[in-house]
Amino acid sequence: MVDDEAPVRTALGRLLRSAHYDVASFASGEEFLAAFEQEPPHCVILDIHMPGLSGLDVQLQLRARHNPVPIVFISASDDISVGVAVVQGGGQLLLRKPFSSSDLLEAVDAAVHSTP
């Protein structure tokens, strides 16, 4: 999970762990990409708007590495162009903040099970 807001990382981490997912949290796209080489995840929850590399920038870097890891984007933005960019880049799903716990768990479950 990649989100620049610590409270979001904490809350989502607790939720995902309660659903028996292994969770690694990162405060920036740069931090995530550095760790990604060591142990690629089965799914990434990625905030779109972050300082430094945005979620869309991280998505582009993953695709440039020819890595098909499923991505569930999260965003507080209602900008329709964000949704278009997510789909064009191959994102699995975009959840708008605030979203329900069940919506996130369903999205992660679908993403994890879409992994080849």
PDB file of N, CA and C in Angstrom:
ATOM      1  N   MET A   1       0.843  -1.155   0.000  1.00  0.00           N
ATOM      2  CA  MET A   1       0.000   0.000   0.000  1.00  0.00           C
ATOM      3  C   MET A   1       0.897   1.229   0.000  1.00  0.00           C
ATOM      4  N   VAL A   2       0.536   2.199  -0.848  1.00  0.00           N
ATOM      5  CA  VAL A   2       1.333   3.417  -0.955  1.00  0.00           C
ATOM      6  C   VAL A   2       0.407   4.617  -0.772  1.00  0.00           C
ATOM      7  N   ASP A   3       0.612   5.366   0.307  1.00  0.00           N
ATOM      8  CA  ASP A   3      -0.171   6.575   0.576  1.00  0.00           C
ATOM      9  C   ASP A   3       0.687   7.488   1.432  1.00  0.00           C
ATOM     10  N   ASP A   4       0.690   8.772   1.110  1.00  0.00           N
ATOM     11  CA  ASP A   4       1.532   9.707   1.855  1.00  0.00           C
ATOM     12  C   ASP A   4       0.944  10.083   3.215  1.00  0.00           C
ATOM     13  N   GLU A   5      -0.297   9.706   3.496  1.00  0.00           N
ATOM     14  CA  GLU A   5      -0.934  10.045   4.768  1.00  0.00           C
ATOM     15  C   GLU A   5      -0.842   8.865   5.741  1.00  0.00           C
ATOM     16  N   ALA A   6      -0.085   9.060   6.826  1.00  0.00           N
ATOM     17  CA  ALA A   6       0.121   7.992   7.810  1.00  0.00           C
ATOM     18  C   ALA A   6      -1.185   7.443   8.388  1.00  0.00           C
ATOM     19  N   PRO A   7      -2.172   8.288   8.726  1.00  0.00           N
ATOM     20  CA  PRO A   7      -3.421   7.720   9.263  1.00  0.00           C
ATOM     21  C   PRO A   7      -4.142   6.799   8.268  1.00  0.00           C
ATOM     22  N   VAL A   8      -4.050   7.121   6.996  1.00  0.00           N
ATOM     23  CA  VAL A   8      -4.667   6.265   5.971  1.00  0.00           C
ATOM     24  C   VAL A   8      -3.939   4.926   5.921  1.00  0.00           C
ATOM     25  N   ARG A   9      -2.605   4.972   5.919  1.00  0.00           N
ATOM     26  CA  ARG A   9      -1.830   3.725   5.899  1.00  0.00           C
ATOM     27  C   ARG A   9      -2.156   2.861   7.116  1.00  0.00           C
ATOM     28  N   THR A  10      -2.261   3.496   8.282  1.00  0.00           N
ATOM     29  CA  THR A  10      -2.556   2.750   9.508  1.00  0.00           C
ATOM     30  C   THR A  10      -3.935   2.101   9.440  1.00  0.00           C
ATOM     31  N   ALA A  11      -4.941   2.873   9.066  1.00  0.00           N
ATOM     32  CA  ALA A  11      -6.312   2.351   9.026  1.00  0.00           C
ATOM     33  C   ALA A  11      -6.467   1.248   7.983  1.00  0.00           C
ATOM     34  N   LEU A  12      -5.937   1.477   6.790  1.00  0.00           N
ATOM     35  CA  LEU A  12      -6.071   0.461   5.742  1.00  0.00           C
ATOM     36  C   LEU A  12      -5.247  -0.775   6.071  1.00  0.00           C
ATOM     37  N   GLY A  13      -4.088  -0.575   6.678  1.00  0.00           N
ATOM     38  CA  GLY A  13      -3.269  -1.715   7.082  1.00  0.00           C
ATOM     39  C   GLY A  13      -3.999  -2.600   8.082  1.00  0.00           C
ATOM     40  N   ARG A  14      -4.649  -1.979   9.063  1.00  0.00           N
ATOM     41  CA  ARG A  14      -5.421  -2.752  10.051  1.00  0.00           C
ATOM     42  C   ARG A  14      -6.556  -3.520   9.383  1.00  0.00           C
ATOM     43  N   LEU A  15      -7.264  -2.838   8.491  1.00  0.00           N
ATOM     44  CA  LEU A  15      -8.378  -3.483   7.797  1.00  0.00           C
ATOM     45  C   LEU A  15      -7.897  -4.686   6.994  1.00  0.00           C
ATOM     46  N   LEU A  16      -6.843  -4.504   6.229  1.00  0.00           N
ATOM     47  CA  LEU A  16      -6.343  -5.589   5.379  1.00  0.00           C
ATOM     48  C   LEU A  16      -5.778  -6.741   6.202  1.00  0.00           C
ATOM     49  N   ARG A  17      -5.093  -6.421   7.288  1.00  0.00           N
ATOM     50  CA  ARG A  17      -4.572  -7.488   8.156  1.00  0.00           C
ATOM     51  C   ARG A  17      -5.712  -8.266   8.810  1.00  0.00           C
ATOM     52  N   SER A  18      -6.792  -7.563   9.154  1.00  0.00           N
ATOM     53  CA  SER A  18      -7.942  -8.250   9.755  1.00  0.00           C
ATOM     54  C   SER A  18      -8.592  -9.210   8.760  1.00  0.00           C
ATOM     55  N   ALA A  19      -8.370  -8.957   7.466  1.00  0.00           N
ATOM     56  CA  ALA A  19      -8.880  -9.851   6.416  1.00  0.00           C
ATOM     57  C   ALA A  19      -7.813 -10.863   5.995  1.00  0.00           C
ATOM     58  N   HIS A  20      -6.739 -10.958   6.777  1.00  0.00           N
ATOM     59  CA  HIS A  20      -5.670 -11.947   6.602  1.00  0.00           C
ATOM     60  C   HIS A  20      -4.785 -11.696   5.380  1.00  0.00           C
ATOM     61  N   TYR A  21      -4.631 -10.429   5.005  1.00  0.00           N
ATOM     62  CA  TYR A  21      -3.676 -10.077   3.957  1.00  0.00           C
ATOM     63  C   TYR A  21      -2.362  -9.678   4.613  1.00  0.00           C
ATOM     64  N   ASP A  22      -1.245 -10.020   3.976  1.00  0.00           N
ATOM     65  CA  ASP A  22       0.056  -9.498   4.386  1.00  0.00           C
ATOM     66  C   ASP A  22       0.157  -8.102   3.793  1.00  0.00           C
ATOM     67  N   VAL A  23       0.590  -7.139   4.593  1.00  0.00           N
ATOM     68  CA  VAL A  23       0.586  -5.748   4.154  1.00  0.00           C
ATOM     69  C   VAL A  23       1.953  -5.122   4.378  1.00  0.00           C
ATOM     70  N   ALA A  24       2.441  -4.436   3.364  1.00  0.00           N
ATOM     71  CA  ALA A  24       3.619  -3.582   3.492  1.00  0.00           C
ATOM     72  C   ALA A  24       3.161  -2.174   3.130  1.00  0.00           C
ATOM     73  N   SER A  25       3.549  -1.192   3.938  1.00  0.00           N
ATOM     74  CA  SER A  25       3.106   0.187   3.728  1.00  0.00           C
ATOM     75  C   SER A  25       4.285   1.069   3.366  1.00  0.00           C
ATOM     76  N   PHE A  26       4.028   2.001   2.451  1.00  0.00           N
ATOM     77  CA  PHE A  26       5.056   2.924   1.999  1.00  0.00           C
ATOM     78  C   PHE A  26       4.482   4.330   1.943  1.00  0.00           C
ATOM     79  N   ALA A  27       5.299   5.320   2.337  1.00  0.00           N
ATOM     80  CA  ALA A  27       4.856   6.709   2.387  1.00  0.00           C
ATOM     81  C   ALA A  27       5.033   7.435   1.060  1.00  0.00           C
ATOM     82  N   SER A  28       5.734   6.821   0.118  1.00  0.00           N
ATOM     83  CA  SER A  28       5.959   7.490  -1.168  1.00  0.00           C
ATOM     84  C   SER A  28       6.132   6.463  -2.279  1.00  0.00           C
ATOM     85  N   GLY A  29       5.911   6.934  -3.491  1.00  0.00           N
ATOM     86  CA  GLY A  29       6.120   6.078  -4.650  1.00  0.00           C
ATOM     87  C   GLY A  29       7.569   5.654  -4.782  1.00  0.00           C
ATOM     88  N   GLU A  30       8.469   6.565  -4.456  1.00  0.00           N
ATOM     89  CA  GLU A  30       9.890   6.254  -4.550  1.00  0.00           C
ATOM     90  C   GLU A  30      10.270   5.132  -3.584  1.00  0.00           C
ATOM     91  N   GLU A  31       9.765   5.219  -2.362  1.00  0.00           N
ATOM     92  CA  GLU A  31      10.044   4.200  -1.343  1.00  0.00           C
ATOM     93  C   GLU A  31       9.499   2.836  -1.795  1.00  0.00           C
ATOM     94  N   PHE A  32       8.297   2.846  -2.333  1.00  0.00           N
ATOM     95  CA  PHE A  32       7.686   1.602  -2.814  1.00  0.00           C
ATOM     96  C   PHE A  32       8.497   0.991  -3.952  1.00  0.00           C
ATOM     97  N   LEU A  33       8.866   1.794  -4.941  1.00  0.00           N
ATOM     98  CA  LEU A  33       9.592   1.256  -6.096  1.00  0.00           C
ATOM     99  C   LEU A  33      10.942   0.680  -5.688  1.00  0.00           C
ATOM    100  N   ALA A  34      11.602   1.287  -4.711  1.00  0.00           N
ATOM    101  CA  ALA A  34      12.882   0.757  -4.231  1.00  0.00           C
ATOM    102  C   ALA A  34      12.684  -0.617  -3.590  1.00  0.00           C
ATOM    103  N   ALA A  35      11.621  -0.777  -2.822  1.00  0.00           N
ATOM    104  CA  ALA A  35      11.347  -2.057  -2.154  1.00  0.00           C
ATOM    105  C   ALA A  35      10.770  -3.085  -3.117  1.00  0.00           C
ATOM    106  N   PHE A  36      10.118  -2.631  -4.153  1.00  0.00           N
ATOM    107  CA  PHE A  36       9.436  -3.508  -5.103  1.00  0.00           C
ATOM    108  C   PHE A  36      10.391  -4.511  -5.739  1.00  0.00           C
ATOM    109  N   GLU A  37      11.597  -4.077  -6.009  1.00  0.00           N
ATOM    110  CA  GLU A  37      12.579  -4.957  -6.650  1.00  0.00           C
ATOM    111  C   GLU A  37      12.912  -6.159  -5.768  1.00  0.00           C
ATOM    112  N   GLN A  38      12.868  -5.962  -4.452  1.00  0.00           N
ATOM    113  CA  GLN A  38      13.209  -7.036  -3.520  1.00  0.00           C
ATOM    114  C   GLN A  38      12.109  -8.087  -3.428  1.00  0.00           C
ATOM    115  N   GLU A  39      10.863  -7.615  -3.354  1.00  0.00           N
ATOM    116  CA  GLU A  39       9.749  -8.537  -3.177  1.00  0.00           C
ATOM    117  C   GLU A  39       8.491  -7.962  -3.829  1.00  0.00           C
ATOM    118  N   PRO A  40       8.246  -8.293  -5.093  1.00  0.00           N
ATOM    119  CA  PRO A  40       7.060  -7.769  -5.777  1.00  0.00           C
ATOM    120  C   PRO A  40       5.772  -8.252  -5.104  1.00  0.00           C
ATOM    121  N   PRO A  41       4.799  -7.359  -4.951  1.00  0.00           N
ATOM    122  CA  PRO A  41       3.536  -7.733  -4.307  1.00  0.00           C
ATOM    123  C   PRO A  41       2.574  -8.416  -5.280  1.00  0.00           C
ATOM    124  N   HIS A  42       1.502  -8.969  -4.724  1.00  0.00           N
ATOM    125  CA  HIS A  42       0.447  -9.566  -5.547  1.00  0.00           C
ATOM    126  C   HIS A  42      -0.574  -8.524  -5.965  1.00  0.00           C
ATOM    127  N   CYS A  43      -0.575  -7.385  -5.271  1.00  0.00           N
ATOM    128  CA  CYS A  43      -1.518  -6.299  -5.527  1.00  0.00           C
ATOM    129  C   CYS A  43      -0.949  -5.035  -4.896  1.00  0.00           C
ATOM    130  N   VAL A  44      -1.241  -3.882  -5.500  1.00  0.00           N
ATOM    131  CA  VAL A  44      -0.805  -2.604  -4.938  1.00  0.00           C
ATOM    132  C   VAL A  44      -2.029  -1.711  -4.750  1.00  0.00           C
ATOM    133  N   ILE A  45      -2.151  -1.142  -3.570  1.00  0.00           N
ATOM    134  CA  ILE A  45      -3.137  -0.094  -3.320  1.00  0.00           C
ATOM    135  C   ILE A  45      -2.349   1.204  -3.395  1.00  0.00           C
ATOM    136  N   LEU A  46      -2.740   2.069  -4.307  1.00  0.00           N
ATOM    137  CA  LEU A  46      -1.898   3.208  -4.662  1.00  0.00           C
ATOM    138  C   LEU A  46      -2.707   4.500  -4.657  1.00  0.00           C
ATOM    139  N   ASP A  47      -2.315   5.440  -3.796  1.00  0.00           N
ATOM    140  CA  ASP A  47      -2.943   6.761  -3.794  1.00  0.00           C
ATOM    141  C   ASP A  47      -2.500   7.495  -5.055  1.00  0.00           C
ATOM    142  N   ILE A  48      -3.392   8.257  -5.637  1.00  0.00           N
ATOM    143  CA  ILE A  48      -3.049   8.955  -6.874  1.00  0.00           C
ATOM    144  C   ILE A  48      -2.254  10.218  -6.602  1.00  0.00           C
ATOM    145  N   HIS A  49      -2.708  11.038  -5.658  1.00  0.00           N
ATOM    146  CA  HIS A  49      -2.068  12.334  -5.417  1.00  0.00           C
ATOM    147  C   HIS A  49      -1.133  12.249  -4.222  1.00  0.00           C
ATOM    148  N   MET A  50       0.174  12.260  -4.524  1.00  0.00           N
ATOM    149  CA  MET A  50       1.202  12.226  -3.484  1.00  0.00           C
ATOM    150  C   MET A  50       2.326  13.161  -3.895  1.00  0.00           C
ATOM    151  N   PRO A  51       3.073  13.699  -2.920  1.00  0.00           N
ATOM    152  CA  PRO A  51       4.266  14.471  -3.265  1.00  0.00           C
ATOM    153  C   PRO A  51       5.279  13.564  -3.969  1.00  0.00           C
ATOM    154  N   GLY A  52       6.111  14.137  -4.793  1.00  0.00           N
ATOM    155  CA  GLY A  52       7.077  13.318  -5.538  1.00  0.00           C
ATOM    156  C   GLY A  52       6.357  12.582  -6.644  1.00  0.00           C
ATOM    157  N   LEU A  53       6.617  11.290  -6.752  1.00  0.00           N
ATOM    158  CA  LEU A  53       5.943  10.492  -7.776  1.00  0.00           C
ATOM    159  C   LEU A  53       4.468  10.328  -7.422  1.00  0.00           C
ATOM    160  N   SER A  54       3.610  10.644  -8.355  1.00  0.00           N
ATOM    161  CA  SER A  54       2.180  10.406  -8.144  1.00  0.00           C
ATOM    162  C   SER A  54       1.891   8.923  -8.346  1.00  0.00           C
ATOM    163  N   GLY A  55       0.697   8.510  -7.968  1.00  0.00           N
ATOM    164  CA  GLY A  55       0.304   7.128  -8.210  1.00  0.00           C
ATOM    165  C   GLY A  55       0.341   6.772  -9.686  1.00  0.00           C
ATOM    166  N   LEU A  56      -0.051   7.723 -10.538  1.00  0.00           N
ATOM    167  CA  LEU A  56      -0.014   7.469 -11.982  1.00  0.00           C
ATOM    168  C   LEU A  56       1.423   7.331 -12.478  1.00  0.00           C
ATOM    169  N   ASP A  57       2.351   8.115 -11.890  1.00  0.00           N
ATOM    170  CA  ASP A  57       3.774   7.979 -12.239  1.00  0.00           C
ATOM    171  C   ASP A  57       4.295   6.593 -11.853  1.00  0.00           C
ATOM    172  N   VAL A  58       3.910   6.127 -10.673  1.00  0.00           N
ATOM    173  CA  VAL A  58       4.327   4.794 -10.222  1.00  0.00           C
ATOM    174  C   VAL A  58       3.768   3.735 -11.166  1.00  0.00           C
ATOM    175  N   GLN A  59       2.511   3.885 -11.548  1.00  0.00           N
ATOM    176  CA  GLN A  59       1.894   2.947 -12.487  1.00  0.00           C
ATOM    177  C   GLN A  59       2.687   2.893 -13.797  1.00  0.00           C
ATOM    178  N   LEU A  60       3.059   4.048 -14.318  1.00  0.00           N
ATOM    179  CA  LEU A  60       3.835   4.089 -15.564  1.00  0.00           C
ATOM    180  C   LEU A  60       5.180   3.392 -15.403  1.00  0.00           C
ATOM    181  N   GLN A  61       5.837   3.598 -14.263  1.00  0.00           N
ATOM    182  CA  GLN A  61       7.132   2.942 -14.038  1.00  0.00           C
ATOM    183  C   GLN A  61       6.977   1.427 -13.944  1.00  0.00           C
ATOM    184  N   LEU A  62       5.914   0.970 -13.297  1.00  0.00           N
ATOM    185  CA  LEU A  62       5.680  -0.479 -13.217  1.00  0.00           C
ATOM    186  C   LEU A  62       5.422  -1.057 -14.604  1.00  0.00           C
ATOM    187  N   ARG A  63       4.636  -0.367 -15.402  1.00  0.00           N
ATOM    188  CA  ARG A  63       4.335  -0.858 -16.756  1.00  0.00           C
ATOM    189  C   ARG A  63       5.588  -0.833 -17.630  1.00  0.00           C
ATOM    190  N   ALA A  64       6.445   0.172 -17.441  1.00  0.00           N
ATOM    191  CA  ALA A  64       7.694   0.249 -18.203  1.00  0.00           C
ATOM    192  C   ALA A  64       8.612  -0.923 -17.865  1.00  0.00           C
ATOM    193  N   ARG A  65       8.472  -1.448 -16.661  1.00  0.00           N
ATOM    194  CA  ARG A  65       9.253  -2.621 -16.240  1.00  0.00           C
ATOM    195  C   ARG A  65       8.555  -3.918 -16.663  1.00  0.00           C
ATOM    196  N   HIS A  66       7.469  -3.779 -17.398  1.00  0.00           N
ATOM    197  CA  HIS A  66       6.672  -4.923 -17.873  1.00  0.00           C
ATOM    198  C   HIS A  66       6.190  -5.774 -16.706  1.00  0.00           C
ATOM    199  N   ASN A  67       5.772  -5.085 -15.655  1.00  0.00           N
ATOM    200  CA  ASN A  67       5.248  -5.805 -14.500  1.00  0.00           C
ATOM    201  C   ASN A  67       3.738  -5.653 -14.445  1.00  0.00           C
ATOM    202  N   PRO A  68       3.013  -6.751 -14.527  1.00  0.00           N
ATOM    203  CA  PRO A  68       1.549  -6.689 -14.573  1.00  0.00           C
ATOM    204  C   PRO A  68       0.858  -6.679 -13.208  1.00  0.00           C
ATOM    205  N   VAL A  69       1.545  -6.289 -12.147  1.00  0.00           N
ATOM    206  CA  VAL A  69       0.926  -6.315 -10.816  1.00  0.00           C
ATOM    207  C   VAL A  69      -0.386  -5.518 -10.841  1.00  0.00           C
ATOM    208  N   PRO A  70      -1.460  -6.102 -10.319  1.00  0.00           N
ATOM    209  CA  PRO A  70      -2.733  -5.384 -10.292  1.00  0.00           C
ATOM    210  C   PRO A  70      -2.678  -4.197  -9.331  1.00  0.00           C
ATOM    211  N   ILE A  71      -3.297  -3.104  -9.741  1.00  0.00           N
ATOM    212  CA  ILE A  71      -3.290  -1.881  -8.943  1.00  0.00           C
ATOM    213  C   ILE A  71      -4.722  -1.457  -8.640  1.00  0.00           C
ATOM    214  N   VAL A  72      -4.977  -1.200  -7.362  1.00  0.00           N
ATOM    215  CA  VAL A  72      -6.223  -0.577  -6.932  1.00  0.00           C
ATOM    216  C   VAL A  72      -5.858   0.848  -6.530  1.00  0.00           C
ATOM    217  N   PHE A  73      -6.357   1.821  -7.276  1.00  0.00           N
ATOM    218  CA  PHE A  73      -6.081   3.220  -6.976  1.00  0.00           C
ATOM    219  C   PHE A  73      -7.095   3.756  -5.979  1.00  0.00           C
ATOM    220  N   ILE A  74      -6.620   4.674  -5.120  1.00  0.00           N
ATOM    221  CA  ILE A  74      -7.508   5.394  -4.221  1.00  0.00           C
ATOM    222  C   ILE A  74      -7.253   6.884  -4.410  1.00  0.00           C
ATOM    223  N   SER A  75      -8.329   7.673  -4.351  1.00  0.00           N
ATOM    224  CA  SER A  75      -8.189   9.107  -4.576  1.00  0.00           C
ATOM    225  C   SER A  75      -9.347   9.862  -3.958  1.00  0.00           C
ATOM    226  N   ALA A  76      -9.064  11.062  -3.489  1.00  0.00           N
ATOM    227  CA  ALA A  76     -10.109  11.952  -2.995  1.00  0.00           C
ATOM    228  C   ALA A  76     -10.629  12.835  -4.123  1.00  0.00           C
ATOM    229  N   SER A  77     -10.012  12.785  -5.276  1.00  0.00           N
ATOM    230  CA  SER A  77     -10.372  13.643  -6.404  1.00  0.00           C
ATOM    231  C   SER A  77     -11.606  13.125  -7.137  1.00  0.00           C
ATOM    232  N   ASP A  78     -12.441  14.065  -7.563  1.00  0.00           N
ATOM    233  CA  ASP A  78     -13.595  13.722  -8.395  1.00  0.00           C
ATOM    234  C   ASP A  78     -13.318  14.014  -9.865  1.00  0.00           C
ATOM    235  N   ASP A  79     -12.087  14.354 -10.192  1.00  0.00           N
ATOM    236  CA  ASP A  79     -11.711  14.706 -11.562  1.00  0.00           C
ATOM    237  C   ASP A  79     -11.837  13.487 -12.467  1.00  0.00           C
ATOM    238  N   ILE A  80     -12.689  13.578 -13.468  1.00  0.00           N
ATOM    239  CA  ILE A  80     -12.937  12.440 -14.358  1.00  0.00           C
ATOM    240  C   ILE A  80     -11.692  12.062 -15.161  1.00  0.00           C
ATOM    241  N   SER A  81     -10.814  13.029 -15.412  1.00  0.00           N
ATOM    242  CA  SER A  81      -9.602  12.720 -16.180  1.00  0.00           C
ATOM    243  C   SER A  81      -8.692  11.762 -15.413  1.00  0.00           C
ATOM    244  N   VAL A  82      -8.780  11.778 -14.089  1.00  0.00           N
ATOM    245  CA  VAL A  82      -7.997  10.842 -13.276  1.00  0.00           C
ATOM    246  C   VAL A  82      -8.456   9.418 -13.551  1.00  0.00           C
ATOM    247  N   GLY A  83      -9.759   9.210 -13.575  1.00  0.00           N
ATOM    248  CA  GLY A  83     -10.303   7.884 -13.870  1.00  0.00           C
ATOM    249  C   GLY A  83      -9.918   7.402 -15.249  1.00  0.00           C
ATOM    250  N   VAL A  84      -9.918   8.309 -16.214  1.00  0.00           N
ATOM    251  CA  VAL A  84      -9.521   7.955 -17.578  1.00  0.00           C
ATOM    252  C   VAL A  84      -8.054   7.537 -17.603  1.00  0.00           C
ATOM    253  N   ALA A  85      -7.195   8.289 -16.911  1.00  0.00           N
ATOM    254  CA  ALA A  85      -5.763   7.960 -16.871  1.00  0.00           C
ATOM    255  C   ALA A  85      -5.523   6.612 -16.208  1.00  0.00           C
ATOM    256  N   VAL A  86      -6.281   6.312 -15.174  1.00  0.00           N
ATOM    257  CA  VAL A  86      -6.151   5.023 -14.487  1.00  0.00           C
ATOM    258  C   VAL A  86      -6.450   3.884 -15.452  1.00  0.00           C
ATOM    259  N   VAL A  87      -7.562   3.984 -16.148  1.00  0.00           N
ATOM    260  CA  VAL A  87      -7.971   2.929 -17.082  1.00  0.00           C
ATOM    261  C   VAL A  87      -6.978   2.801 -18.229  1.00  0.00           C
ATOM    262  N   GLN A  88      -6.545   3.922 -18.781  1.00  0.00           N
ATOM    263  CA  GLN A  88      -5.596   3.878 -19.894  1.00  0.00           C
ATOM    264  C   GLN A  88      -4.277   3.245 -19.488  1.00  0.00           C
ATOM    265  N   GLY A  89      -3.891   3.415 -18.230  1.00  0.00           N
ATOM    266  CA  GLY A  89      -2.642   2.837 -17.747  1.00  0.00           C
ATOM    267  C   GLY A  89      -2.769   1.399 -17.287  1.00  0.00           C
ATOM    268  N   GLY A  90      -3.971   0.856 -17.328  1.00  0.00           N
ATOM    269  CA  GLY A  90      -4.162  -0.538 -16.950  1.00  0.00           C
ATOM    270  C   GLY A  90      -4.526  -0.760 -15.497  1.00  0.00           C
ATOM    271  N   GLY A  91      -4.956   0.288 -14.792  1.00  0.00           N
ATOM    272  CA  GLY A  91      -5.350   0.141 -13.393  1.00  0.00           C
ATOM    273  C   GLY A  91      -6.562  -0.763 -13.246  1.00  0.00           C
ATOM    274  N   GLN A  92      -6.583  -1.538 -12.179  1.00  0.00           N
ATOM    275  CA  GLN A  92      -7.694  -2.450 -11.919  1.00  0.00           C
ATOM    276  C   GLN A  92      -8.967  -1.699 -11.560  1.00  0.00           C
ATOM    277  N   LEU A  93      -8.828  -0.719 -10.663  1.00  0.00           N
ATOM    278  CA  LEU A  93     -10.009  -0.067 -10.116  1.00  0.00           C
ATOM    279  C   LEU A  93      -9.607   1.238  -9.453  1.00  0.00           C
ATOM    280  N   LEU A  94     -10.531   2.184  -9.439  1.00  0.00           N
ATOM    281  CA  LEU A  94     -10.332   3.451  -8.741  1.00  0.00           C
ATOM    282  C   LEU A  94     -11.424   3.590  -7.691  1.00  0.00           C
ATOM    283  N   LEU A  95     -11.027   3.680  -6.432  1.00  0.00           N
ATOM    284  CA  LEU A  95     -11.965   3.921  -5.339  1.00  0.00           C
ATOM    285  C   LEU A  95     -11.837   5.376  -4.913  1.00  0.00           C
ATOM    286  N   ARG A  96     -12.965   6.046  -4.804  1.00  0.00           N
ATOM    287  CA  ARG A  96     -12.980   7.441  -4.369  1.00  0.00           C
ATOM    288  C   ARG A  96     -13.103   7.496  -2.847  1.00  0.00           C
ATOM    289  N   LYS A  97     -12.219   8.284  -2.221  1.00  0.00           N
ATOM    290  CA  LYS A  97     -12.284   8.491  -0.776  1.00  0.00           C
ATOM    291  C   LYS A  97     -13.469   9.398  -0.469  1.00  0.00           C
ATOM    292  N   PRO A  98     -14.223   9.162   0.559  1.00  0.00           N
ATOM    293  CA  PRO A  98     -14.140   7.997   1.432  1.00  0.00           C
ATOM    294  C   PRO A  98     -14.844   6.797   0.791  1.00  0.00           C
ATOM    295  N   PHE A  99     -14.279   5.631   1.003  1.00  0.00           N
ATOM    296  CA  PHE A  99     -14.883   4.397   0.491  1.00  0.00           C
ATOM    297  C   PHE A  99     -15.123   3.473   1.673  1.00  0.00           C
ATOM    298  N   SER A 100     -15.978   2.501   1.468  1.00  0.00           N
ATOM    299  CA  SER A 100     -16.296   1.583   2.569  1.00  0.00           C
ATOM    300  C   SER A 100     -15.228   0.498   2.688  1.00  0.00           C
ATOM    301  N   SER A 101     -15.150  -0.078   3.852  1.00  0.00           N
ATOM    302  CA  SER A 101     -14.231  -1.194   4.082  1.00  0.00           C
ATOM    303  C   SER A 101     -14.534  -2.337   3.129  1.00  0.00           C
ATOM    304  N   SER A 102     -15.817  -2.620   2.947  1.00  0.00           N
ATOM    305  CA  SER A 102     -16.188  -3.736   2.067  1.00  0.00           C
ATOM    306  C   SER A 102     -15.806  -3.456   0.620  1.00  0.00           C
ATOM    307  N   ASP A 103     -15.919  -2.194   0.178  1.00  0.00           N
ATOM    308  CA  ASP A 103     -15.510  -1.863  -1.195  1.00  0.00           C
ATOM    309  C   ASP A 103     -14.018  -2.112  -1.396  1.00  0.00           C
ATOM    310  N   LEU A 104     -13.212  -1.707  -0.410  1.00  0.00           N
ATOM    311  CA  LEU A 104     -11.768  -1.922  -0.533  1.00  0.00           C
ATOM    312  C   LEU A 104     -11.439  -3.409  -0.523  1.00  0.00           C
ATOM    313  N   LEU A 105     -12.023  -4.148   0.397  1.00  0.00           N
ATOM    314  CA  LEU A 105     -11.729  -5.582   0.479  1.00  0.00           C
ATOM    315  C   LEU A 105     -12.167  -6.315  -0.785  1.00  0.00           C
ATOM    316  N   GLU A 106     -13.299  -5.941  -1.346  1.00  0.00           N
ATOM    317  CA  GLU A 106     -13.752  -6.555  -2.602  1.00  0.00           C
ATOM    318  C   GLU A 106     -12.795  -6.229  -3.741  1.00  0.00           C
ATOM    319  N   ALA A 107     -12.323  -4.984  -3.799  1.00  0.00           N
ATOM    320  CA  ALA A 107     -11.397  -4.580  -4.856  1.00  0.00           C
ATOM    321  C   ALA A 107     -10.073  -5.327  -4.742  1.00  0.00           C
ATOM    322  N   VAL A 108      -9.551  -5.435  -3.529  1.00  0.00           N
ATOM    323  CA  VAL A 108      -8.282  -6.144  -3.322  1.00  0.00           C
ATOM    324  C   VAL A 108      -8.447  -7.624  -3.646  1.00  0.00           C
ATOM    325  N   ASP A 109      -9.540  -8.220  -3.205  1.00  0.00           N
ATOM    326  CA  ASP A 109      -9.791  -9.632  -3.495  1.00  0.00           C
ATOM    327  C   ASP A 109      -9.847  -9.873  -5.003  1.00  0.00           C
ATOM    328  N   ALA A 110     -10.556  -9.010  -5.720  1.00  0.00           N
ATOM    329  CA  ALA A 110     -10.645  -9.152  -7.176  1.00  0.00           C
ATOM    330  C   ALA A 110      -9.274  -8.981  -7.824  1.00  0.00           C
ATOM    331  N   ALA A 111      -8.496  -8.008  -7.342  1.00  0.00           N
ATOM    332  CA  ALA A 111      -7.171  -7.765  -7.914  1.00  0.00           C
ATOM    333  C   ALA A 111      -6.231  -8.935  -7.658  1.00  0.00           C
ATOM    334  N   VAL A 112      -6.223  -9.435  -6.431  1.00  0.00           N
ATOM    335  CA  VAL A 112      -5.343 -10.555  -6.084  1.00  0.00           C
ATOM    336  C   VAL A 112      -5.689 -11.786  -6.917  1.00  0.00           C
ATOM    337  N   HIS A 113      -6.965 -12.024  -7.118  1.00  0.00           N
ATOM    338  CA  HIS A 113      -7.374 -13.207  -7.876  1.00  0.00           C
ATOM    339  C   HIS A 113      -7.284 -13.022  -9.385  1.00  0.00           C
ATOM    340  N   SER A 114      -6.956 -11.800  -9.831  1.00  0.00           N
ATOM    341  CA  SER A 114      -6.748 -11.587 -11.264  1.00  0.00           C
ATOM    342  C   SER A 114      -5.298 -11.809 -11.652  1.00  0.00           C
ATOM    343  N   THR A 115      -4.428 -11.988 -10.651  1.00  0.00           N
ATOM    344  CA  THR A 115      -3.006 -12.191 -10.908  1.00  0.00           C
ATOM    345  C   THR A 115      -2.798 -13.526 -11.611  1.00  0.00           C
ATOM    346  N   PRO A 116      -2.063 -13.500 -12.744  1.00  0.00           N
ATOM    347  CA  PRO A 116      -1.840 -14.763 -13.480  1.00  0.00           C
ATOM    348  C   PRO A 116      -1.012 -15.762 -12.712  1.00  0.00           C
TER     349      PRO A 116
END
